Amino acid sequence: MTTQDQSGTSGRSLRDRVQDVIEQIRPLIQQDGGDLELVDVSEGGEVRVRLQGACVGCPMAQITMTQGVERRIRQEVPEVSQVVQVPPA
């Protein structure tokens, strides 16, 4: 098995790998009444996410985004260039 196979990146799209990380993060956010939605992943590696529920208007939302969501996504999927929070729908 190659290193690429072990990392789980072989044959999987960037969007699929980002979605996997979001699915790992979501239960933690949901514990506090919030949620996280993957909106888009560009070919250039920009990830757009939307915080929902109790996260909307929460003073800790920016810390959740930078210290939790963005850090974890970029750690697990190094091709991601940035994570951008989009406003609630």
Protein backbone atom coordinates (compact mmCIF):
# COMPACT_ATOMS: atom_id res chain seq x y z
CA MET A 1 0.00 0.00 0.00
CA THR A 2 1.38 3.42 -0.92
CA THR A 3 1.44 6.44 1.37
CA GLN A 4 -1.26 8.03 -0.75
CA ASP A 5 -3.52 5.02 -0.21
CA GLN A 6 -2.93 5.10 3.54
CA SER A 7 -3.91 8.77 3.78
CA GLY A 8 -7.22 8.06 2.10
CA THR A 9 -6.64 10.53 -0.71
CA SER A 10 -6.27 8.07 -3.56
CA GLY A 11 -9.10 8.50 -6.04
CA ARG A 12 -11.21 10.73 -3.77
CA SER A 13 -12.20 14.24 -4.74
CA LEU A 14 -11.15 17.25 -2.72
CA ARG A 15 -14.82 17.90 -1.90
CA ASP A 16 -15.31 14.34 -0.61
CA ARG A 17 -12.28 14.58 1.65
CA VAL A 18 -13.38 17.96 3.02
CA GLN A 19 -16.89 16.59 3.58
CA ASP A 20 -15.41 13.68 5.57
CA VAL A 21 -13.62 16.12 7.88
CA ILE A 22 -16.78 18.18 8.32
CA GLU A 23 -18.70 15.03 9.25
CA GLN A 24 -16.09 14.42 11.97
CA ILE A 25 -16.42 18.00 13.29
CA ARG A 26 -20.23 18.32 13.13
CA PRO A 27 -21.09 16.25 16.24
CA LEU A 28 -18.91 18.55 18.37
CA ILE A 29 -20.67 21.64 17.04
CA GLN A 30 -24.08 20.00 17.32
CA GLN A 31 -23.47 19.32 21.04
CA ASP A 32 -23.75 23.08 21.58
CA GLY A 33 -26.85 23.47 19.39
CA GLY A 34 -25.06 24.55 16.22
CA ASP A 35 -24.34 22.91 12.92
CA LEU A 36 -21.94 23.15 10.00
CA GLU A 37 -22.71 22.90 6.29
CA LEU A 38 -20.26 22.50 3.43
CA VAL A 39 -21.37 25.01 0.80
CA ASP A 40 -18.67 24.70 -1.86
CA VAL A 41 -15.10 23.65 -2.61
CA SER A 42 -13.38 25.42 -5.50
CA GLU A 43 -10.78 23.82 -7.75
CA GLY A 44 -8.24 26.20 -6.22
CA GLY A 45 -8.88 24.75 -2.76
CA GLU A 46 -11.12 27.42 -1.26
CA VAL A 47 -13.67 25.84 1.08
CA ARG A 48 -16.91 27.68 1.83
CA VAL A 49 -18.84 26.65 4.92
CA ARG A 50 -21.90 27.90 6.75
CA LEU A 51 -22.39 27.82 10.51
CA GLN A 52 -26.00 27.26 11.51
CA GLY A 53 -28.24 26.99 14.55
CA ALA A 54 -26.84 28.33 17.81
CA CYS A 55 -23.61 29.31 16.01
CA VAL A 56 -25.43 32.13 14.20
CA GLY A 57 -24.78 35.27 16.20
CA CYS A 58 -22.68 33.47 18.80
CA PRO A 59 -19.68 35.52 19.95
CA MET A 60 -17.55 32.35 19.86
CA ALA A 61 -18.40 31.54 16.22
CA GLN A 62 -15.24 33.16 14.82
CA ILE A 63 -13.06 31.17 17.22
CA THR A 64 -14.96 28.01 16.28
CA MET A 65 -14.23 28.75 12.61
CA THR A 66 -10.54 29.55 12.90
CA GLN A 67 -9.40 27.37 15.77
CA GLY A 68 -11.70 24.44 15.11
CA VAL A 69 -13.12 24.13 11.62
CA GLU A 70 -10.41 25.78 9.50
CA ARG A 71 -7.50 24.31 11.42
CA ARG A 72 -8.91 20.79 11.26
CA ILE A 73 -9.81 20.94 7.56
CA ARG A 74 -6.40 22.33 6.57
CA GLN A 75 -4.65 19.77 8.76
CA GLU A 76 -6.51 16.83 7.21
CA VAL A 77 -6.68 18.14 3.62
CA PRO A 78 -3.48 20.12 2.93
CA GLU A 79 -4.63 21.12 -0.57
CA VAL A 80 -7.17 23.49 1.01
CA SER A 81 -5.94 27.07 0.55
CA GLN A 82 -8.48 28.74 2.81
CA VAL A 83 -11.76 28.21 4.62
CA VAL A 84 -14.35 30.97 4.27
CA GLN A 85 -17.48 31.33 6.35
CA VAL A 86 -20.54 32.36 4.34
CA PRO A 87 -23.55 34.08 5.94
CA PRO A 88 -26.66 32.11 6.93
CA ALA A 89 -29.08 31.40 4.11
